[in-house]
């Protein structure tokens, strides 16, 4: 029995039973049934999220970027979807001026390479009330690469992130911007991977196995994946990668199962 770290090792931690490899595998298979049900439920929830109504954004919000003033539309960087995380880095926040909020910083450390998200026509941006000079200094110190803007108006109050962190999700139709989703509190804990962001968006992962409304952009899973430094150079999936991914999918899929990335 190991010692409990909560009480300084004064008491023994009550561990699960120690079993044979066969018994362990049986327990794993039993739990796997519930885990697969959880995955299907998560997929169904994402499908419902893609059917959420859209809210038109009528206010012309302004931000400050590294090169000067920008609009909410500019934050899309020409892409169709936008995820904005409100990070707390400003006077009055614990850690200022050397650090952003510890929770927001932990979240920023989890953000993966944005090239994969951008390949699905989606931009991630951070926003705070700190001046751009402080944001640039913080990003350099912490090694963060995401676009990070300064809030200059009521954007944070209007979108529920003036007192607490959160992710707001938007889509654009030409120059018109719509809010499609919002998540905060413990919902923010899982963010960071390309899948976690795409599952929040109106268009989802944009893969053929997803239950999406008719006409939504979709392509076969795996085929669009690429090295993060190669998306711009490769206009279409590499034929060799298509062959490899097809073989891999066939090897682990059971007949009749849905593809689940």
Protein backbone atom coordinates (compact mmCIF):
# COMPACT_ATOMS: atom_id res chain seq x y z
CA UNK A 1 0.00 0.00 0.00
CA UNK A 2 1.26 3.48 -0.85
CA UNK A 3 1.14 6.47 1.45
CA UNK A 4 -1.47 9.17 0.93
CA UNK A 5 0.02 12.50 -0.20
CA UNK A 6 -2.99 14.37 1.22
CA UNK A 7 -2.08 13.60 4.81
CA UNK A 8 1.69 13.56 4.51
CA UNK A 9 1.92 9.80 4.35
CA UNK A 10 0.24 9.28 7.73
CA UNK A 11 -2.34 6.88 6.31
CA UNK A 12 -2.41 4.17 3.67
CA UNK A 13 -4.10 4.85 0.34
CA UNK A 14 -6.88 2.37 -0.41
CA UNK A 15 -5.84 1.02 -3.81
CA UNK A 16 -7.82 -1.18 -6.23
CA UNK A 17 -7.16 -4.95 -6.18
CA UNK A 18 -4.07 -6.39 -7.87
CA UNK A 19 -5.13 -8.95 -10.49
CA UNK A 20 -3.79 -11.20 -13.22
CA UNK A 21 -3.33 -9.95 -16.83
CA UNK A 22 -6.44 -11.88 -17.85
CA UNK A 23 -8.57 -10.33 -15.12
CA UNK A 24 -7.18 -6.88 -15.89
CA UNK A 25 -8.08 -7.28 -19.59
CA UNK A 26 -11.59 -8.40 -18.67
CA UNK A 27 -12.05 -5.32 -16.46
CA UNK A 28 -10.75 -3.10 -19.25
CA UNK A 29 -13.20 -4.60 -21.77
CA UNK A 30 -16.05 -4.07 -19.34
CA UNK A 31 -15.15 -0.40 -18.90
CA UNK A 32 -14.59 0.00 -22.65
CA UNK A 33 -18.29 -0.60 -23.26
CA UNK A 34 -19.11 2.47 -21.18
CA UNK A 35 -16.29 4.49 -22.74
CA UNK A 36 -17.60 3.79 -26.25
CA UNK A 37 -21.07 4.83 -25.13
CA UNK A 38 -19.55 8.04 -23.77
CA UNK A 39 -17.85 8.70 -27.13
CA UNK A 40 -21.11 8.19 -29.02
CA UNK A 41 -22.92 10.49 -26.59
CA UNK A 42 -20.22 13.12 -27.07
CA UNK A 43 -20.57 12.84 -30.85
CA UNK A 44 -24.35 13.20 -30.55
CA UNK A 45 -23.93 16.29 -28.38
CA UNK A 46 -21.55 17.83 -30.94
CA UNK A 47 -24.13 17.09 -33.66
CA UNK A 48 -26.75 18.92 -31.61
CA UNK A 49 -24.34 21.80 -31.09
CA UNK A 50 -23.97 22.12 -34.87
CA UNK A 51 -27.72 22.71 -35.02
CA UNK A 52 -27.72 25.52 -32.46
CA UNK A 53 -29.31 28.74 -33.75
CA UNK A 54 -26.97 31.56 -34.73
CA UNK A 55 -27.01 35.02 -33.17
CA UNK A 56 -26.17 37.96 -35.44
CA UNK A 57 -23.40 40.21 -34.09
CA UNK A 58 -24.59 43.73 -34.84
CA UNK A 59 -22.01 45.77 -32.89
CA UNK A 60 -18.75 46.78 -34.60
CA UNK A 61 -16.30 45.63 -31.94
CA UNK A 62 -12.75 46.97 -32.05
CA UNK A 63 -9.55 45.42 -30.79
CA UNK A 64 -5.92 46.41 -30.78
CA UNK A 65 -3.56 44.06 -32.57
CA UNK A 66 0.21 43.99 -33.06
CA UNK A 67 -0.19 46.24 -36.11
CA UNK A 68 -2.91 48.55 -34.82
CA UNK A 69 -6.71 48.61 -34.58
CA UNK A 70 -8.68 45.65 -35.95
CA UNK A 71 -12.32 44.58 -36.06
CA UNK A 72 -13.94 41.34 -34.95
CA UNK A 73 -14.13 40.41 -38.62
CA UNK A 74 -10.36 40.91 -38.91
CA UNK A 75 -9.81 38.34 -36.15
CA UNK A 76 -11.05 35.63 -38.54
CA UNK A 77 -7.88 36.21 -40.65
CA UNK A 78 -9.96 35.46 -43.74
CA UNK A 79 -11.18 32.09 -42.48
CA UNK A 80 -14.81 31.10 -42.03
CA UNK A 81 -14.83 30.32 -38.31
CA UNK A 82 -13.35 31.96 -35.23
CA UNK A 83 -12.86 30.82 -31.64
CA UNK A 84 -12.03 33.63 -29.18
CA UNK A 85 -10.72 32.80 -25.72
CA UNK A 86 -10.93 35.58 -23.16
CA UNK A 87 -7.72 35.30 -21.14
CA UNK A 88 -7.17 37.34 -17.99
CA UNK A 89 -3.95 39.31 -18.37
CA UNK A 90 -4.30 42.89 -17.21
CA UNK A 91 -3.83 45.11 -14.13
CA UNK A 92 -5.58 43.67 -11.11
CA UNK A 93 -5.17 40.03 -12.19
CA UNK A 94 -2.97 37.81 -9.99
CA UNK A 95 0.45 37.57 -11.63
CA UNK A 96 0.38 40.95 -13.39
CA UNK A 97 2.56 42.20 -14.99
CA UNK A 98 4.86 39.18 -15.23
CA UNK A 99 2.19 36.56 -15.83
CA UNK A 100 -1.39 36.06 -16.93
CA UNK A 101 -3.91 34.29 -14.70
CA UNK A 102 -2.55 30.87 -13.71
CA UNK A 103 -5.61 29.05 -15.03
CA UNK A 104 -5.56 30.92 -18.35
CA UNK A 105 -1.83 30.28 -18.61
CA UNK A 106 -2.30 26.56 -18.02
CA UNK A 107 -4.87 26.59 -20.81
CA UNK A 108 -2.53 28.49 -23.13
CA UNK A 109 0.17 25.88 -22.51
CA UNK A 110 -2.22 23.22 -23.83
CA UNK A 111 -2.86 24.87 -27.22
CA UNK A 112 -1.53 22.69 -30.03
CA UNK A 113 -0.10 23.77 -33.38
CA UNK A 114 -2.70 26.02 -34.98
CA UNK A 115 -1.91 24.95 -38.56
CA UNK A 116 -4.22 21.95 -38.18
CA UNK A 117 -7.10 24.11 -36.96
CA UNK A 118 -6.47 26.64 -39.73
CA UNK A 119 -6.61 23.79 -42.28
CA UNK A 120 -10.28 23.41 -41.31
CA UNK A 121 -10.94 27.10 -42.07
CA UNK A 122 -10.94 27.99 -38.37
CA UNK A 123 -8.92 30.58 -36.42
CA UNK A 124 -8.18 30.61 -32.70
CA UNK A 125 -7.49 33.96 -31.04
CA UNK A 126 -6.89 35.08 -27.46
CA UNK A 127 -8.12 38.43 -26.12
CA UNK A 128 -7.28 40.36 -22.96
CA UNK A 129 -7.31 43.97 -21.74
CA UNK A 130 -3.52 44.20 -21.44
CA UNK A 131 -1.74 46.54 -23.89
CA UNK A 132 -0.10 44.93 -26.91
CA UNK A 133 3.42 45.59 -25.64
CA UNK A 134 2.70 43.54 -22.52
CA UNK A 135 1.03 40.77 -24.54
CA UNK A 136 4.05 40.54 -26.86
CA UNK A 137 6.37 40.35 -23.86
CA UNK A 138 4.27 37.64 -22.21
CA UNK A 139 4.02 35.54 -25.39
CA UNK A 140 7.79 35.70 -25.88
CA UNK A 141 8.45 34.70 -22.27
CA UNK A 142 6.00 31.79 -22.30
CA UNK A 143 6.57 30.58 -25.87
CA UNK A 144 2.94 31.07 -26.95
CA UNK A 145 2.17 31.50 -30.65
CA UNK A 146 -1.59 32.18 -30.86
CA UNK A 147 -2.87 35.55 -32.10
CA UNK A 148 -3.62 37.69 -29.03
CA UNK A 149 -5.59 40.94 -29.12
CA UNK A 150 -6.40 43.77 -26.72
CA UNK A 151 -10.07 44.32 -25.88
CA UNK A 152 -10.93 48.03 -26.14
CA UNK A 153 -14.72 48.14 -25.74
CA UNK A 154 -17.64 46.13 -24.32
CA UNK A 155 -16.82 42.88 -26.15
CA UNK A 156 -16.01 41.01 -22.92
CA UNK A 157 -19.13 42.21 -21.08
CA UNK A 158 -21.39 41.58 -24.08
CA UNK A 159 -20.18 38.01 -24.51
CA UNK A 160 -20.12 36.88 -20.88
CA UNK A 161 -16.38 37.02 -20.27
CA UNK A 162 -15.87 40.27 -18.37
CA UNK A 163 -15.52 38.51 -15.01
CA UNK A 164 -14.59 34.96 -15.97
CA UNK A 165 -12.75 33.20 -18.79
CA UNK A 166 -14.56 31.50 -21.67
CA UNK A 167 -14.55 30.55 -25.35
CA UNK A 168 -16.90 32.32 -27.76
CA UNK A 169 -17.35 30.76 -31.19
CA UNK A 170 -18.27 32.70 -34.33
CA UNK A 171 -18.89 32.05 -38.01
CA UNK A 172 -19.00 34.55 -40.84
CA UNK A 173 -21.03 34.77 -44.02
CA UNK A 174 -19.13 37.31 -46.08
CA UNK A 175 -18.88 40.35 -43.81
CA UNK A 176 -21.70 39.24 -41.50
CA UNK A 177 -20.63 37.66 -38.20
CA UNK A 178 -22.71 35.29 -36.08
CA UNK A 179 -22.18 33.88 -32.61
CA UNK A 180 -22.72 30.11 -32.67
CA UNK A 181 -21.58 28.82 -29.26
CA UNK A 182 -20.13 29.70 -25.86
CA UNK A 183 -18.43 27.58 -23.22
CA UNK A 184 -16.74 28.45 -19.91
CA UNK A 185 -16.01 27.14 -16.40
CA UNK A 186 -15.05 23.45 -16.48
CA UNK A 187 -15.87 23.29 -20.17
CA UNK A 188 -12.65 25.21 -20.78
CA UNK A 189 -10.52 22.53 -19.13
CA UNK A 190 -10.56 20.20 -22.14
CA UNK A 191 -9.59 22.84 -24.70
CA UNK A 192 -6.30 22.79 -26.55
CA UNK A 193 -6.46 20.07 -29.20
CA UNK A 194 -7.68 20.64 -32.73
CA UNK A 195 -10.59 18.27 -32.01
CA UNK A 196 -11.72 20.11 -28.88
CA UNK A 197 -11.95 23.38 -30.79
CA UNK A 198 -13.59 21.94 -33.91
CA UNK A 199 -16.22 20.12 -31.84
CA UNK A 200 -17.35 23.53 -30.53
CA UNK A 201 -17.80 25.05 -33.97
CA UNK A 202 -20.86 25.27 -36.17
CA UNK A 203 -19.19 23.20 -38.90
CA UNK A 204 -17.59 20.62 -36.60
CA UNK A 205 -14.65 18.50 -37.73
CA UNK A 206 -16.02 18.63 -41.28
CA UNK A 207 -15.57 14.89 -41.78
CA UNK A 208 -17.96 12.55 -43.57
CA UNK A 209 -18.79 10.39 -40.54
CA UNK A 210 -20.31 13.34 -38.65
CA UNK A 211 -24.03 13.90 -38.34
CA UNK A 212 -24.23 17.42 -39.77
CA UNK A 213 -26.98 19.38 -41.51
CA UNK A 214 -27.25 18.95 -45.26
CA UNK A 215 -24.78 20.99 -47.28
CA UNK A 216 -22.16 21.36 -44.54
CA UNK A 217 -18.56 21.00 -45.79
CA UNK A 218 -17.23 17.49 -45.21
CA UNK A 219 -14.30 15.41 -46.42
CA UNK A 220 -13.08 11.89 -45.59
CA UNK A 221 -11.41 11.52 -42.18
CA UNK A 222 -7.62 11.18 -41.97
CA UNK A 223 -7.10 12.24 -45.60
CA UNK A 224 -6.79 15.96 -44.85
CA UNK A 225 -4.27 15.42 -42.01
CA UNK A 226 -0.82 16.77 -42.76
CA UNK A 227 2.45 17.84 -41.22
CA UNK A 228 1.90 21.27 -39.71
CA UNK A 229 4.52 22.81 -42.01
CA UNK A 230 3.13 21.26 -45.19
CA UNK A 231 -0.49 22.39 -45.54
CA UNK A 232 0.38 25.37 -47.74
CA UNK A 233 2.53 23.29 -50.05
CA UNK A 234 0.01 20.51 -50.60
CA UNK A 235 -3.23 21.45 -52.33
CA UNK A 236 -4.72 17.93 -52.22
CA UNK A 237 -4.17 14.84 -50.04
CA UNK A 238 -0.98 12.99 -50.93
CA UNK A 239 -1.92 9.72 -52.73
CA UNK A 240 0.56 7.76 -50.63
CA UNK A 241 -0.98 9.10 -47.41
CA UNK A 242 -4.45 8.18 -48.68
CA UNK A 243 -3.20 4.63 -49.23
CA UNK A 244 -1.57 4.44 -45.80
CA UNK A 245 -4.58 5.89 -43.97
CA UNK A 246 -6.97 3.56 -45.81
CA UNK A 247 -4.87 0.56 -44.76
CA UNK A 248 -4.69 1.73 -41.17
CA UNK A 249 -8.41 2.34 -40.98
CA UNK A 250 -9.17 -1.11 -42.40
CA UNK A 251 -6.86 -2.72 -39.87
CA UNK A 252 -8.58 -1.40 -36.74
CA UNK A 253 -12.19 -0.86 -37.81
CA UNK A 254 -14.82 -3.45 -37.11
CA UNK A 255 -17.34 -3.96 -39.94
CA UNK A 256 -20.26 -1.61 -39.50
CA UNK A 257 -18.54 0.69 -37.02
CA UNK A 258 -18.51 4.42 -37.66
CA UNK A 259 -15.17 6.09 -38.20
CA UNK A 260 -14.34 8.06 -35.09
CA UNK A 261 -11.31 10.30 -35.27
